[in-house]
Protein backbone atom coordinates (compact mmCIF):
# COMPACT_ATOMS: atom_id res chain seq x y z
CA UNK A 1 0.00 0.00 0.00
CA UNK A 2 1.03 3.58 -0.53
CA UNK A 3 0.10 6.40 1.76
CA UNK A 4 -0.42 10.11 1.47
CA UNK A 5 -1.85 12.88 3.53
CA UNK A 6 -1.88 11.89 7.17
CA UNK A 7 -0.98 8.29 6.54
CA UNK A 8 -3.91 7.66 4.20
CA UNK A 9 -3.43 4.76 1.81
CA UNK A 10 -3.41 4.84 -1.97
CA UNK A 11 -4.47 1.37 -3.06
CA UNK A 12 -3.39 -0.53 -6.14
CA UNK A 13 -6.42 0.58 -8.13
CA UNK A 14 -5.71 4.24 -7.43
CA UNK A 15 -2.09 3.75 -8.39
CA UNK A 16 -3.17 2.27 -11.68
CA UNK A 17 -5.38 5.28 -12.31
CA UNK A 18 -2.30 7.43 -11.85
CA UNK A 19 -0.61 5.36 -14.46
CA UNK A 20 -1.45 6.12 -18.05
CA UNK A 21 -0.09 2.70 -18.84
CA UNK A 22 -2.20 0.63 -16.49
CA UNK A 23 -0.70 -2.60 -15.29
CA UNK A 24 2.40 -4.48 -16.18
CA UNK A 25 5.41 -4.30 -13.98
CA UNK A 26 9.10 -4.51 -13.99
CA UNK A 27 12.33 -6.31 -14.52
CA UNK A 28 15.63 -4.94 -14.01
CA UNK A 29 19.18 -4.65 -13.44
CA UNK A 30 20.93 -3.60 -10.48
CA UNK A 31 21.21 0.06 -10.64
CA UNK A 32 20.67 3.61 -11.45
CA UNK A 33 22.58 6.70 -10.62
CA UNK A 34 23.02 10.26 -9.59
CA UNK A 35 21.05 11.93 -6.83
CA UNK A 36 19.30 14.64 -8.72
CA UNK A 37 15.83 13.89 -10.01
CA UNK A 38 12.52 13.83 -8.18
CA UNK A 39 9.93 11.16 -7.43
CA UNK A 40 11.19 8.27 -9.47
CA UNK A 41 13.96 8.49 -8.06
CA UNK A 42 16.43 9.18 -9.46
CA UNK A 43 19.60 8.90 -10.64
CA UNK A 44 22.37 9.27 -8.22
CA UNK A 45 26.00 9.36 -8.07
CA UNK A 46 26.14 10.45 -4.54
CA UNK A 47 29.51 11.45 -3.44
CA UNK A 48 30.41 10.45 -0.01
CA UNK A 49 31.77 7.15 1.10
CA UNK A 50 35.25 5.90 0.85
CA UNK A 51 36.80 2.66 -0.14
CA UNK A 52 37.99 -0.38 1.69
CA UNK A 53 36.98 -1.34 5.19
CA UNK A 54 35.03 1.01 7.41
CA UNK A 55 32.59 0.86 10.27
CA UNK A 56 29.68 3.26 10.47
CA UNK A 57 28.12 4.89 13.48
CA UNK A 58 30.12 4.32 16.62
CA UNK A 59 32.31 1.24 16.35
CA UNK A 60 30.57 -1.58 18.14
CA UNK A 61 31.65 -5.02 19.21
CA UNK A 62 29.70 -7.84 17.60
CA UNK A 63 28.43 -10.36 20.08
CA UNK A 64 25.71 -12.92 20.49
CA UNK A 65 23.00 -13.12 23.06
CA UNK A 66 19.59 -11.72 23.82
CA UNK A 67 18.83 -9.09 21.20
CA UNK A 68 16.96 -7.04 23.74
CA UNK A 69 19.70 -7.01 26.31
CA UNK A 70 22.97 -6.07 24.69
CA UNK A 71 24.27 -2.62 24.06
CA UNK A 72 25.62 -2.81 20.53
CA UNK A 73 25.09 -4.71 17.31
CA UNK A 74 27.29 -4.88 14.24
CA UNK A 75 26.07 -6.12 10.87
CA UNK A 76 27.84 -5.99 7.52
CA UNK A 77 27.41 -4.34 4.14
CA UNK A 78 29.10 -5.11 0.82
CA UNK A 79 28.82 -2.10 -1.48
CA UNK A 80 30.45 -1.02 -4.75
CA UNK A 81 32.67 1.78 -3.50
CA UNK A 82 35.20 1.45 -6.33
CA UNK A 83 35.14 0.00 -9.83
CA UNK A 84 32.62 0.43 -12.62
CA UNK A 85 29.59 0.28 -10.33
CA UNK A 86 30.91 2.87 -7.89
CA UNK A 87 28.55 5.62 -9.11
CA UNK A 88 25.72 3.32 -8.10
CA UNK A 89 27.23 2.01 -4.88
CA UNK A 90 28.15 5.35 -3.38
CA UNK A 91 24.55 6.59 -3.38
CA UNK A 92 23.65 3.73 -1.04
CA UNK A 93 25.91 5.05 1.67
CA UNK A 94 23.76 8.12 2.15
CA UNK A 95 20.57 6.08 2.49
CA UNK A 96 22.34 3.73 4.87
CA UNK A 97 23.61 6.59 7.03
CA UNK A 98 20.16 8.19 7.31
CA UNK A 99 18.66 4.85 8.35
CA UNK A 100 21.32 4.36 11.01
CA UNK A 101 20.64 7.81 12.40
CA UNK A 102 16.91 7.13 12.72
CA UNK A 103 17.45 3.69 14.26
CA UNK A 104 20.07 4.74 16.78
CA UNK A 105 18.00 7.70 17.88
CA UNK A 106 15.42 5.18 19.08
CA UNK A 107 17.84 2.40 19.99
CA UNK A 108 17.36 -1.35 19.72
CA UNK A 109 15.88 -3.36 22.58
CA UNK A 110 15.36 -2.50 26.21
CA UNK A 111 18.89 -1.15 26.58
CA UNK A 112 18.61 1.09 23.51
CA UNK A 113 21.44 -0.71 21.80
CA UNK A 114 23.25 1.00 18.96
CA UNK A 115 23.55 -0.45 15.47
CA UNK A 116 26.71 -0.13 13.40
CA UNK A 117 27.53 -1.41 9.93
CA UNK A 118 30.92 -2.66 8.83
CA UNK A 119 31.25 -1.77 5.14
CA UNK A 120 33.38 -3.77 2.71
CA UNK A 121 34.07 -2.85 -0.92
CA UNK A 122 33.00 -5.30 -3.65
CA UNK A 123 35.19 -3.38 -6.10
CA UNK A 124 32.32 -4.01 -8.56
CA UNK A 125 33.47 -7.59 -9.18
CA UNK A 126 32.18 -11.01 -8.22
CA UNK A 127 35.44 -12.27 -6.75
CA UNK A 128 36.08 -9.17 -4.65
CA UNK A 129 32.48 -9.33 -3.47
CA UNK A 130 32.98 -12.91 -2.35
CA UNK A 131 36.19 -11.94 -0.56
CA UNK A 132 34.38 -9.08 1.19
CA UNK A 133 31.51 -11.35 2.24
CA UNK A 134 33.95 -13.97 3.52
CA UNK A 135 35.64 -11.37 5.70
CA UNK A 136 32.35 -10.22 7.17
CA UNK A 137 30.98 -13.71 7.80
CA UNK A 138 34.03 -15.83 8.55
CA UNK A 139 36.33 -13.29 10.23
CA UNK A 140 34.02 -10.64 11.67
CA UNK A 141 31.21 -13.09 12.46
CA UNK A 142 28.30 -10.87 11.43
CA UNK A 143 24.95 -12.72 11.47
CA UNK A 144 23.52 -10.51 8.70
CA UNK A 145 24.94 -8.47 5.86
CA UNK A 146 23.49 -6.20 3.19
CA UNK A 147 24.74 -6.49 -0.37
CA UNK A 148 25.27 -5.98 -3.18
CA UNK A 149 24.67 -3.57 -6.05
CA UNK A 150 25.39 -5.85 -9.01
CA UNK A 151 23.20 -8.93 -9.33
CA UNK A 152 26.15 -11.11 -10.28
CA UNK A 153 28.00 -10.01 -7.16
CA UNK A 154 25.02 -10.77 -4.92
CA UNK A 155 24.57 -14.20 -6.48
CA UNK A 156 28.27 -15.04 -6.20
CA UNK A 157 28.34 -14.04 -2.52
CA UNK A 158 25.24 -16.08 -1.78
CA UNK A 159 26.43 -19.18 -3.62
CA UNK A 160 29.96 -19.06 -2.18
CA UNK A 161 29.45 -17.70 1.31
CA UNK A 162 25.88 -17.24 2.54
CA UNK A 163 23.98 -20.36 1.47
CA UNK A 164 23.96 -22.92 4.24
CA UNK A 165 25.77 -20.64 6.69
CA UNK A 166 22.66 -19.43 8.54
CA UNK A 167 23.69 -15.82 7.83
CA UNK A 168 21.03 -13.44 6.46
CA UNK A 169 21.80 -11.68 3.16
CA UNK A 170 19.65 -8.79 1.92
CA UNK A 171 20.57 -7.11 -1.35
CA UNK A 172 19.84 -3.40 -1.54
CA UNK A 173 19.99 -3.01 -5.34
CA UNK A 174 20.21 -6.30 -7.25
CA UNK A 175 17.27 -6.88 -9.59
CA UNK A 176 18.13 -9.83 -11.83
CA UNK A 177 15.33 -12.44 -12.07
CA UNK A 178 17.99 -15.03 -11.25
CA UNK A 179 17.89 -14.00 -7.58
CA UNK A 180 14.33 -15.33 -7.38
CA UNK A 181 15.70 -18.85 -7.83
CA UNK A 182 17.53 -18.41 -4.50
CA UNK A 183 14.76 -17.85 -1.94
CA UNK A 184 17.28 -17.39 0.86
CA UNK A 185 18.71 -14.33 -0.89
CA UNK A 186 16.38 -11.44 -0.06
CA UNK A 187 16.27 -7.96 -1.56
CA UNK A 188 14.55 -4.61 -1.15
CA UNK A 189 14.65 -3.63 -4.84
CA UNK A 190 12.13 -5.45 -7.04
CA UNK A 191 12.90 -8.34 -9.36
CA UNK A 192 13.57 -7.46 -12.96
CA UNK A 193 11.04 -9.88 -14.46
CA UNK A 194 8.11 -7.50 -14.51
CA UNK A 195 10.19 -4.63 -15.85
CA UNK A 196 11.33 -6.67 -18.84
CA UNK A 197 7.69 -7.35 -19.62
CA UNK A 198 6.84 -3.68 -19.12
CA UNK A 199 9.62 -2.60 -21.48
CA UNK A 200 8.41 -5.03 -24.14
CA UNK A 201 4.85 -3.77 -23.92
CA UNK A 202 5.95 -0.13 -23.78
CA UNK A 203 8.09 -0.35 -26.91
CA UNK A 204 5.33 -2.21 -28.78
CA UNK A 205 2.78 0.40 -27.70
CA UNK A 206 5.09 3.06 -29.11
CA UNK A 207 4.48 1.53 -32.53
CA UNK A 208 7.63 -0.54 -33.02
CA UNK A 209 7.54 -4.06 -34.43
CA UNK A 210 11.31 -4.49 -34.81
CA UNK A 211 13.90 -3.87 -32.13
CA UNK A 212 17.65 -4.34 -31.82
CA UNK A 213 18.84 -5.16 -28.30
CA UNK A 214 22.35 -5.00 -26.89
CA UNK A 215 22.90 -6.10 -23.32
CA UNK A 216 25.80 -6.09 -20.93
CA UNK A 217 27.29 -9.55 -20.61
CA UNK A 218 26.51 -10.39 -16.97
CA UNK A 219 23.61 -11.67 -14.87
CA UNK A 220 21.79 -8.35 -15.11
CA UNK A 221 21.94 -8.06 -18.87
CA UNK A 222 21.28 -11.74 -19.48
CA UNK A 223 18.19 -11.91 -17.28
CA UNK A 224 16.62 -8.69 -18.50
CA UNK A 225 17.26 -9.39 -22.19
CA UNK A 226 15.79 -12.89 -21.94
CA UNK A 227 12.55 -11.64 -20.38
CA UNK A 228 12.31 -8.83 -22.93
CA UNK A 229 12.84 -11.15 -25.90
CA UNK A 230 10.23 -13.60 -24.59
CA UNK A 231 7.71 -10.79 -24.02
CA UNK A 232 8.11 -8.55 -27.08
CA UNK A 233 5.30 -9.18 -29.56
CA UNK A 234 7.32 -8.00 -32.55
CA UNK A 235 10.67 -9.18 -33.92
CA UNK A 236 13.90 -8.91 -31.95
CA UNK A 237 16.17 -8.68 -34.98
CA UNK A 238 19.40 -8.24 -33.01
CA UNK A 239 19.96 -9.56 -29.49
CA UNK A 240 23.66 -9.66 -28.62
CA UNK A 241 25.79 -9.00 -25.54
CA UNK A 242 28.62 -6.52 -25.14
CA UNK A 243 31.46 -6.69 -22.66
CA UNK A 244 31.81 -4.28 -19.77
CA UNK A 245 34.47 -1.57 -19.77
CA UNK A 246 35.34 -1.42 -23.47
CA UNK A 247 36.68 1.77 -25.04
CA UNK A 248 34.60 1.31 -28.19
CA UNK A 249 31.40 -0.44 -29.19
CA UNK A 250 31.42 0.59 -32.84
CA UNK A 251 31.12 -3.02 -34.04
CA UNK A 252 27.97 -3.57 -31.98
CA UNK A 253 26.44 -0.31 -33.19
CA UNK A 254 27.25 -1.07 -36.85
CA UNK A 255 25.57 -4.46 -36.51
CA UNK A 256 22.51 -2.91 -34.92
CA UNK A 257 22.27 -0.32 -37.70
CA UNK A 258 22.45 -3.01 -40.39
CA UNK A 259 19.21 -4.57 -39.12
CA UNK A 260 17.13 -1.47 -39.97
CA UNK A 261 15.27 -1.94 -36.66
CA UNK A 262 13.16 1.09 -35.78
CA UNK A 263 14.03 0.84 -32.07
CA UNK A 264 17.27 0.20 -30.21
CA UNK A 265 17.19 -1.05 -26.62
CA UNK A 266 20.28 -0.54 -24.46
CA UNK A 267 20.46 -2.80 -21.40
CA UNK A 268 23.76 -1.59 -20.04
CA UNK A 269 25.51 0.55 -17.42
CA UNK A 270 26.37 4.23 -17.33
CA UNK A 271 29.97 4.03 -18.56
CA UNK A 272 29.09 1.73 -21.45
CA UNK A 273 26.04 3.79 -22.43
CA UNK A 274 28.17 6.92 -22.51
CA UNK A 275 30.61 5.34 -24.99
CA UNK A 276 27.77 3.99 -27.14
CA UNK A 277 25.86 7.27 -27.17
CA UNK A 278 28.91 9.23 -28.26
CA UNK A 279 29.82 6.80 -31.01
CA UNK A 280 26.23 6.54 -32.25
CA UNK A 281 25.96 10.34 -32.30
CA UNK A 282 29.18 10.62 -34.32
CA UNK A 283 27.71 8.21 -36.88
CA UNK A 284 24.30 9.91 -36.93
CA UNK A 285 22.47 6.77 -35.82
CA UNK A 286 20.37 8.69 -33.29
CA UNK A 287 18.49 10.47 -36.08
CA UNK A 288 17.27 7.21 -37.65
CA UNK A 289 16.08 5.11 -34.69
CA UNK A 290 14.37 5.54 -31.34
CA UNK A 291 16.44 4.76 -28.24
CA UNK A 292 15.11 2.90 -25.19
CA UNK A 293 16.65 1.83 -21.90
CA UNK A 294 16.04 0.56 -18.39
CA UNK A 295 17.04 2.00 -15.02
CA UNK A 296 20.77 1.72 -15.48
CA UNK A 297 20.76 4.12 -18.41
CA UNK A 298 19.42 6.83 -16.12
CA UNK A 299 22.55 8.53 -14.85
CA UNK A 300 23.63 12.14 -14.71
CA UNK A 301 27.12 10.94 -15.61
CA UNK A 302 25.78 9.88 -19.02
CA UNK A 303 24.32 13.30 -19.75
CA UNK A 304 27.40 15.06 -18.44
CA UNK A 305 29.66 13.17 -20.84
CA UNK A 306 27.58 13.18 -24.03
CA UNK A 307 26.73 16.04 -26.44
CA UNK A 308 23.41 17.82 -26.09
CA UNK A 309 20.91 16.28 -28.46
CA UNK A 310 22.66 12.91 -28.56
CA UNK A 311 20.06 11.23 -26.35
CA UNK A 312 16.99 13.45 -26.73
CA UNK A 313 13.88 11.33 -27.20
CA UNK A 314 15.31 8.30 -25.43
CA UNK A 315 12.69 6.61 -23.25
CA UNK A 316 12.54 3.79 -20.75
CA UNK A 317 11.20 2.39 -17.51
CA UNK A 318 12.91 2.70 -14.16
CA UNK A 319 12.23 1.74 -10.57
CA UNK A 320 10.38 4.44 -8.67
CA UNK A 321 9.60 5.45 -5.13
CA UNK A 322 6.00 6.31 -4.05
CA UNK A 323 6.18 10.08 -4.32
CA UNK A 324 2.91 10.65 -2.42
CA UNK A 325 3.78 8.47 0.55
CA UNK A 326 4.45 10.44 3.71
CA UNK A 327 7.48 8.50 4.89
CA UNK A 328 9.09 8.86 1.47
CA UNK A 329 8.47 12.60 1.63
CA UNK A 330 10.13 12.67 5.05
CA UNK A 331 13.04 10.66 3.66
CA UNK A 332 13.46 13.13 0.81
CA UNK A 333 13.30 16.09 3.19
CA UNK A 334 15.90 14.61 5.54
CA UNK A 335 18.11 13.63 2.64
CA UNK A 336 17.98 17.06 1.05
CA UNK A 337 18.73 18.72 4.38
CA UNK A 338 21.72 16.46 4.96
CA UNK A 339 23.19 16.36 1.47
CA UNK A 340 21.68 19.29 -0.45
CA UNK A 341 20.54 16.94 -3.22
CA UNK A 342 17.45 14.88 -4.03
CA UNK A 343 17.74 11.15 -3.23
CA UNK A 344 17.36 8.27 -5.60
CA UNK A 345 14.98 5.39 -5.11
CA UNK A 346 18.13 3.28 -4.86
CA UNK A 347 19.19 5.20 -1.78
CA UNK A 348 15.70 4.46 -0.44
CA UNK A 349 16.21 0.73 -1.06
CA UNK A 350 19.43 0.89 0.96
CA UNK A 351 17.59 2.76 3.74
CA UNK A 352 14.95 0.04 3.85
CA UNK A 353 17.48 -2.79 3.87
CA UNK A 354 19.10 -1.29 6.97
CA UNK A 355 15.74 -0.66 8.67
CA UNK A 356 14.50 -4.20 8.03
CA UNK A 357 17.77 -5.54 9.43
CA UNK A 358 17.30 -3.48 12.60
CA UNK A 359 13.69 -4.64 12.97
CA UNK A 360 14.81 -8.25 12.66
CA UNK A 361 17.33 -7.65 15.46
CA UNK A 362 14.60 -6.01 17.57
CA UNK A 363 12.23 -8.93 16.97
CA UNK A 364 14.62 -11.89 17.23
CA UNK A 365 15.26 -13.88 20.37
CA UNK A 366 19.01 -13.88 19.78
CA UNK A 367 21.51 -11.94 17.70
CA UNK A 368 22.32 -14.93 15.51
CA UNK A 369 21.75 -15.67 11.85
CA UNK A 370 19.30 -18.46 12.60
CA UNK A 371 17.21 -16.26 14.90
CA UNK A 372 17.22 -13.34 12.45
CA UNK A 373 16.23 -15.61 9.56
CA UNK A 374 13.13 -16.66 11.50
CA UNK A 375 11.73 -13.12 11.71
CA UNK A 376 13.22 -10.96 8.95
CA UNK A 377 10.44 -11.60 6.43
CA UNK A 378 7.67 -11.44 9.02
CA UNK A 379 8.26 -7.78 9.89
CA UNK A 380 7.52 -6.80 6.27
CA UNK A 381 4.47 -8.91 5.53
CA UNK A 382 1.03 -7.45 4.78
CA UNK A 383 -0.75 -9.37 7.54
CA UNK A 384 0.63 -7.04 10.22
CA UNK A 385 -0.18 -3.47 11.21
CA UNK A 386 1.19 -0.95 8.73
CA UNK A 387 4.03 1.08 10.20
CA UNK A 388 6.16 3.65 8.44
CA UNK A 389 9.28 3.91 10.58
CA UNK A 390 11.58 1.85 12.77
CA UNK A 391 10.21 3.69 15.80
CA UNK A 392 6.60 2.72 15.06
CA UNK A 393 7.51 -0.90 14.43
CA UNK A 394 9.69 -1.15 17.54
CA UNK A 395 6.83 0.20 19.66
CA UNK A 396 4.58 -2.69 18.57
CA UNK A 397 7.27 -5.27 19.31
CA UNK A 398 8.06 -3.77 22.71
CA UNK A 399 4.38 -3.78 23.60
CA UNK A 400 4.23 -7.54 23.28
CA UNK A 401 3.59 -7.76 19.56
CA UNK A 402 5.05 -10.56 17.48
CA UNK A 403 7.05 -10.04 14.26
CA UNK A 404 3.97 -10.93 12.22
CA UNK A 405 2.10 -8.06 13.91
CA UNK A 406 4.39 -5.62 12.06
CA UNK A 407 4.06 -4.65 8.39
CA UNK A 408 6.89 -2.23 7.70
CA UNK A 409 6.11 0.10 4.79
CA UNK A 410 9.46 1.16 3.41
CA UNK A 411 10.42 4.61 2.25
CA UNK A 412 10.77 2.90 -1.16
CA UNK A 413 7.19 1.58 -0.92
CA UNK A 414 5.66 -1.65 0.40
CA UNK A 415 8.42 -4.16 1.06
CA UNK A 416 6.39 -7.35 1.64
CA UNK A 417 9.29 -9.76 1.07
CA UNK A 418 7.71 -12.95 -0.31
CA UNK A 419 8.72 -16.60 -0.18
CA UNK A 420 11.20 -16.01 -3.01
CA UNK A 421 12.85 -13.11 -1.22
CA UNK A 422 11.28 -10.54 -3.56
CA UNK A 423 9.33 -7.34 -2.79
CA UNK A 424 6.66 -5.87 -5.11
CA UNK A 425 7.75 -3.19 -7.56
CA UNK A 426 6.76 0.33 -8.53
CA UNK A 427 8.12 1.76 -11.78
CA UNK A 428 7.95 4.97 -13.77
CA UNK A 429 8.35 5.93 -17.42
CA UNK A 430 11.21 8.32 -18.13
CA UNK A 431 12.41 10.21 -21.19
CA UNK A 432 15.30 12.48 -22.14
CA UNK A 433 14.20 15.96 -23.18
CA UNK A 434 16.60 18.83 -23.76
CA UNK A 435 19.38 16.61 -22.41
CA UNK A 436 17.58 16.14 -19.10
CA UNK A 437 15.58 13.29 -17.55
CA UNK A 438 11.84 13.75 -17.19
CA UNK A 439 9.37 11.38 -15.54
CA UNK A 440 5.82 10.39 -16.42
CA UNK A 441 3.39 7.54 -15.85
CA UNK A 442 3.66 4.94 -13.10
CA UNK A 443 3.70 1.22 -13.71
CA UNK A 444 3.06 -1.36 -10.97
CA UNK A 445 3.97 -5.03 -10.71
């Protein structure tokens, strides 16, 4: 449910009325960037955060025992602080820090324990992500960690470290449909499946019956491209991957142009999209076809490093936050006051991942992975009383309520983590006009 006014709810039917597109829903990647645009969130490159190992809030000693009776709790986070996904990872640190501030102002348990988060850098690669997760789990002994940005990184960490360990893993940004096949791997950003279907319907509704698709060669690109190809009612006349971090993609663009497709769909990241946009503009391709993208082609870095007019008219579908929901408005206000910039929905996903983790600690009998696993989904489920902050949820638990009595409504929207570890999704149509992102209709999954 969404809320507006004084906590009033906007139901699914009302949301669909807001949407000129009606239903459908979303698939996705792992990202988006640059804290600058409203409602949808966003695009956000953030700016704070360092690299390597760090511990947020006051350094706390991890220990086990009664979650209501100890004074400090340390969990982990694997984020992309360096490497190609750093523009996406750094935005999460701001959302994480705001969540910690709100949680520690209330405190956890009867002794008002303080939460801290030990942050490790995935370096935007699977192997470094696994190494970071191993440090947190095997050396630091955290019972829960948040991570990662890239879907491939999250999957690699789960398969190599988390599965079978009893440790809770909650991804803040990974959206590949492949995560759904690992129910123990939870996330606060929605699965990409619905977005791939939404993109297919959207491009068809725009009057295209041929499309050329190029996708980044990883779990994100593979999953999203497969759903799109299965869902598009026209002909996918080109459907090929491209490698990450190349200095030129002229061969891919030439092949796409040779198909005479009326639409080009880019399922890629900011750096790669920047290279492609510049090369396509130099060849004049942008005047002959319509460009489309998903959330990871929404990035201020792309616009800052491409000529004006090179992307005008590009459209796509991106994850969105519920702009009319009161707790999202409060999140935006606090974010803008702290950082003098508008947050992204991805920062909101990070905020919610931290808050859910804290609620699980509040609700669990012990500060162990097994105990946290028993309650972490329950505090988000729709059967409980809707609450819009850690403070409200903690009050129910401290008044004798059970985890299932709590239904945390995230700043990113309803979380409602299901049996596959997935939340529902809210999406928004975007376009590039006058070399700037603009946002339109909502799409729900």
